[in-house]
N, C-alpha and C. Protein backbone atom coordinates (compact mmCIF):
# COMPACT_ATOMS: atom_id res chain seq x y z
N MET A 1 20.26 49.27 -27.29
CA MET A 1 19.98 48.19 -28.19
C MET A 1 19.88 48.80 -29.61
N LYS A 2 20.51 48.14 -30.52
CA LYS A 2 20.51 48.62 -31.90
C LYS A 2 19.29 48.11 -32.63
N LEU A 3 18.96 48.80 -33.65
CA LEU A 3 17.83 48.41 -34.49
C LEU A 3 18.14 47.07 -35.18
N GLY A 4 17.19 46.15 -35.10
CA GLY A 4 17.40 44.85 -35.75
C GLY A 4 17.97 43.79 -34.81
N GLU A 5 18.40 44.18 -33.64
CA GLU A 5 18.91 43.21 -32.68
C GLU A 5 17.73 42.59 -31.93
N GLN A 6 17.88 41.32 -31.65
CA GLN A 6 16.83 40.64 -30.91
C GLN A 6 17.32 40.40 -29.48
N SER A 7 16.43 40.60 -28.57
CA SER A 7 16.80 40.35 -27.18
C SER A 7 15.92 39.23 -26.63
N GLY A 8 16.31 38.67 -25.54
CA GLY A 8 15.52 37.61 -24.93
C GLY A 8 16.07 36.23 -25.27
N TRP A 9 15.22 35.26 -25.10
CA TRP A 9 15.63 33.87 -25.30
C TRP A 9 15.69 33.52 -26.78
N ARG A 10 16.59 32.60 -27.07
CA ARG A 10 16.62 32.06 -28.42
C ARG A 10 17.07 30.61 -28.35
N ILE A 11 16.65 29.84 -29.30
CA ILE A 11 16.98 28.42 -29.34
C ILE A 11 17.97 28.20 -30.47
N ASP A 12 19.04 27.53 -30.11
CA ASP A 12 20.07 27.23 -31.09
C ASP A 12 19.68 25.97 -31.85
N ARG A 13 19.99 25.88 -33.10
CA ARG A 13 19.63 24.73 -33.90
C ARG A 13 20.54 23.53 -33.62
N HIS A 14 21.64 23.75 -33.00
CA HIS A 14 22.61 22.68 -32.74
C HIS A 14 22.41 22.17 -31.32
N VAL A 15 21.89 20.95 -31.21
CA VAL A 15 21.69 20.32 -29.91
C VAL A 15 22.66 19.16 -29.83
N PRO A 16 23.49 19.13 -28.78
CA PRO A 16 24.46 18.04 -28.66
C PRO A 16 23.77 16.68 -28.48
N VAL A 17 24.36 15.65 -29.06
CA VAL A 17 23.83 14.29 -28.94
C VAL A 17 23.83 13.86 -27.48
N ALA A 18 24.83 14.28 -26.73
CA ALA A 18 24.91 13.92 -25.32
C ALA A 18 23.69 14.44 -24.55
N LEU A 19 23.22 15.62 -24.89
CA LEU A 19 22.04 16.19 -24.23
C LEU A 19 20.80 15.36 -24.55
N VAL A 20 20.66 14.97 -25.80
CA VAL A 20 19.51 14.16 -26.20
C VAL A 20 19.55 12.81 -25.48
N LEU A 21 20.70 12.17 -25.46
CA LEU A 21 20.85 10.88 -24.77
C LEU A 21 20.58 11.02 -23.28
N THR A 22 21.04 12.08 -22.68
CA THR A 22 20.81 12.31 -21.25
C THR A 22 19.33 12.45 -20.95
N ILE A 23 18.63 13.20 -21.76
CA ILE A 23 17.18 13.39 -21.56
C ILE A 23 16.45 12.06 -21.75
N ILE A 24 16.84 11.28 -22.76
CA ILE A 24 16.20 9.98 -22.99
C ILE A 24 16.45 9.05 -21.81
N LEU A 25 17.69 9.00 -21.32
CA LEU A 25 18.01 8.13 -20.18
C LEU A 25 17.28 8.56 -18.91
N GLN A 26 17.21 9.85 -18.67
CA GLN A 26 16.49 10.34 -17.50
C GLN A 26 15.01 10.02 -17.58
N THR A 27 14.43 10.15 -18.75
CA THR A 27 13.01 9.82 -18.93
C THR A 27 12.78 8.33 -18.70
N GLY A 28 13.66 7.50 -19.25
CA GLY A 28 13.54 6.06 -19.03
C GLY A 28 13.66 5.70 -17.57
N ALA A 29 14.61 6.30 -16.88
CA ALA A 29 14.79 6.03 -15.45
C ALA A 29 13.56 6.48 -14.66
N ALA A 30 12.99 7.60 -15.01
CA ALA A 30 11.80 8.09 -14.30
C ALA A 30 10.62 7.14 -14.54
N LEU A 31 10.47 6.64 -15.75
CA LEU A 31 9.39 5.69 -16.04
C LEU A 31 9.58 4.38 -15.29
N MET A 32 10.83 3.90 -15.22
CA MET A 32 11.09 2.67 -14.46
C MET A 32 10.81 2.88 -12.98
N TRP A 33 11.21 4.03 -12.46
CA TRP A 33 10.98 4.31 -11.04
C TRP A 33 9.49 4.37 -10.75
N SER A 34 8.73 5.03 -11.61
CA SER A 34 7.28 5.14 -11.37
C SER A 34 6.61 3.77 -11.51
N GLY A 35 7.09 2.93 -12.41
CA GLY A 35 6.55 1.57 -12.52
C GLY A 35 6.83 0.75 -11.28
N ALA A 36 8.03 0.87 -10.74
CA ALA A 36 8.37 0.15 -9.51
C ALA A 36 7.54 0.67 -8.34
N ALA A 37 7.32 1.96 -8.29
CA ALA A 37 6.50 2.53 -7.21
C ALA A 37 5.07 2.03 -7.31
N ALA A 38 4.54 1.94 -8.51
CA ALA A 38 3.18 1.44 -8.71
C ALA A 38 3.09 -0.02 -8.27
N GLU A 39 4.11 -0.80 -8.57
CA GLU A 39 4.12 -2.21 -8.16
C GLU A 39 4.15 -2.34 -6.65
N ARG A 40 4.95 -1.51 -5.99
CA ARG A 40 5.00 -1.54 -4.52
C ARG A 40 3.65 -1.15 -3.93
N LEU A 41 3.00 -0.16 -4.51
CA LEU A 41 1.68 0.24 -4.02
C LEU A 41 0.66 -0.88 -4.19
N SER A 42 0.72 -1.58 -5.31
CA SER A 42 -0.19 -2.70 -5.53
C SER A 42 0.03 -3.79 -4.49
N ALA A 43 1.30 -4.08 -4.21
CA ALA A 43 1.61 -5.10 -3.21
C ALA A 43 1.11 -4.69 -1.83
N LEU A 44 1.27 -3.43 -1.49
CA LEU A 44 0.80 -2.94 -0.19
C LEU A 44 -0.72 -2.97 -0.09
N GLU A 45 -1.41 -2.65 -1.18
CA GLU A 45 -2.87 -2.72 -1.17
C GLU A 45 -3.35 -4.15 -0.98
N LEU A 46 -2.67 -5.10 -1.62
CA LEU A 46 -3.03 -6.51 -1.47
C LEU A 46 -2.80 -6.97 -0.04
N ARG A 47 -1.68 -6.56 0.53
CA ARG A 47 -1.37 -6.93 1.92
C ARG A 47 -2.39 -6.31 2.87
N SER A 48 -2.80 -5.09 2.59
CA SER A 48 -3.79 -4.42 3.42
C SER A 48 -5.13 -5.15 3.37
N ALA A 49 -5.51 -5.62 2.19
CA ALA A 49 -6.76 -6.37 2.05
C ALA A 49 -6.69 -7.66 2.86
N ARG A 50 -5.55 -8.33 2.82
CA ARG A 50 -5.37 -9.56 3.61
C ARG A 50 -5.44 -9.26 5.09
N THR A 51 -4.85 -8.16 5.50
CA THR A 51 -4.85 -7.79 6.92
C THR A 51 -6.28 -7.53 7.39
N ASP A 52 -7.08 -6.87 6.55
CA ASP A 52 -8.48 -6.62 6.91
C ASP A 52 -9.23 -7.93 7.12
N GLU A 53 -8.96 -8.92 6.26
CA GLU A 53 -9.61 -10.22 6.41
C GLU A 53 -9.20 -10.89 7.72
N VAL A 54 -7.93 -10.80 8.06
CA VAL A 54 -7.42 -11.41 9.29
C VAL A 54 -8.04 -10.74 10.51
N VAL A 55 -8.16 -9.43 10.47
CA VAL A 55 -8.76 -8.69 11.60
C VAL A 55 -10.21 -9.12 11.79
N GLU A 56 -10.95 -9.22 10.70
CA GLU A 56 -12.35 -9.63 10.78
C GLU A 56 -12.46 -11.05 11.32
N ARG A 57 -11.62 -11.91 10.84
CA ARG A 57 -11.64 -13.31 11.28
C ARG A 57 -11.29 -13.42 12.77
N THR A 58 -10.31 -12.66 13.20
CA THR A 58 -9.91 -12.66 14.61
C THR A 58 -11.05 -12.17 15.50
N ALA A 59 -11.75 -11.16 15.05
CA ALA A 59 -12.88 -10.65 15.84
C ALA A 59 -13.97 -11.72 15.97
N ARG A 60 -14.23 -12.43 14.86
CA ARG A 60 -15.23 -13.51 14.94
C ARG A 60 -14.80 -14.60 15.90
N LEU A 61 -13.52 -14.96 15.85
CA LEU A 61 -13.00 -16.01 16.75
C LEU A 61 -13.09 -15.58 18.21
N GLU A 62 -12.83 -14.31 18.48
CA GLU A 62 -12.94 -13.80 19.86
C GLU A 62 -14.38 -13.91 20.36
N GLU A 63 -15.33 -13.56 19.51
CA GLU A 63 -16.74 -13.66 19.90
C GLU A 63 -17.14 -15.11 20.13
N GLN A 64 -16.66 -16.02 19.30
CA GLN A 64 -16.96 -17.43 19.48
C GLN A 64 -16.35 -17.95 20.78
N THR A 65 -15.16 -17.50 21.10
CA THR A 65 -14.50 -17.92 22.34
C THR A 65 -15.28 -17.43 23.55
N LYS A 66 -15.77 -16.20 23.50
CA LYS A 66 -16.58 -15.68 24.61
C LYS A 66 -17.83 -16.52 24.79
N ALA A 67 -18.48 -16.86 23.68
CA ALA A 67 -19.70 -17.68 23.76
C ALA A 67 -19.38 -19.06 24.33
N MET A 68 -18.28 -19.64 23.93
CA MET A 68 -17.90 -20.97 24.45
C MET A 68 -17.57 -20.89 25.94
N ARG A 69 -16.92 -19.83 26.38
CA ARG A 69 -16.62 -19.67 27.81
C ARG A 69 -17.91 -19.55 28.61
N ALA A 70 -18.85 -18.78 28.10
CA ALA A 70 -20.14 -18.64 28.80
C ALA A 70 -20.85 -19.98 28.88
N SER A 71 -20.82 -20.73 27.80
CA SER A 71 -21.45 -22.05 27.79
C SER A 71 -20.75 -22.99 28.76
N LEU A 72 -19.45 -22.96 28.78
CA LEU A 72 -18.67 -23.81 29.71
C LEU A 72 -18.97 -23.43 31.15
N THR A 73 -19.10 -22.17 31.43
CA THR A 73 -19.43 -21.72 32.79
C THR A 73 -20.79 -22.25 33.20
N ARG A 74 -21.77 -22.18 32.30
CA ARG A 74 -23.11 -22.72 32.61
C ARG A 74 -23.05 -24.23 32.87
N ILE A 75 -22.28 -24.95 32.06
CA ILE A 75 -22.16 -26.40 32.25
C ILE A 75 -21.52 -26.72 33.59
N GLU A 76 -20.46 -25.99 33.94
CA GLU A 76 -19.78 -26.23 35.21
C GLU A 76 -20.72 -25.95 36.39
N GLU A 77 -21.50 -24.88 36.28
CA GLU A 77 -22.44 -24.57 37.35
C GLU A 77 -23.49 -25.67 37.51
N LYS A 78 -23.98 -26.20 36.40
CA LYS A 78 -24.95 -27.28 36.46
C LYS A 78 -24.33 -28.53 37.08
N LEU A 79 -23.10 -28.83 36.71
CA LEU A 79 -22.43 -29.99 37.31
C LEU A 79 -22.21 -29.80 38.80
N ASP A 80 -21.81 -28.59 39.20
CA ASP A 80 -21.60 -28.32 40.62
C ASP A 80 -22.91 -28.50 41.39
N ARG A 81 -24.03 -28.04 40.84
CA ARG A 81 -25.32 -28.19 41.49
C ARG A 81 -25.74 -29.67 41.54
N ALA A 82 -25.46 -30.40 40.49
CA ALA A 82 -25.82 -31.82 40.46
C ALA A 82 -24.99 -32.62 41.46
N ILE A 83 -23.72 -32.26 41.61
CA ILE A 83 -22.85 -32.96 42.57
C ILE A 83 -23.25 -32.59 44.00
N ALA A 84 -23.65 -31.33 44.22
CA ALA A 84 -23.99 -30.87 45.54
C ALA A 84 -25.27 -31.53 46.06
N ARG A 85 -26.13 -32.07 45.24
CA ARG A 85 -27.39 -32.68 45.69
C ARG A 85 -27.15 -33.99 46.26
């Protein structure tokens, strides 16, 4: 290496317009993609919240059905005893 020579990386002052446009377009596309992904996540979170409500409601309905079956069984037994007398 000669005295006064520089080695390593250097940045040229001339940047092609195509490179600048490409970087801008890629950045815009990445921002649009991330926005769409965020929207999909929001929709999935909302659907998940609705699903949780449905699961809770179904569990309550199952418990009510069990209680009604037990009550119906008691009524039937009382009727059977009343008819048998």
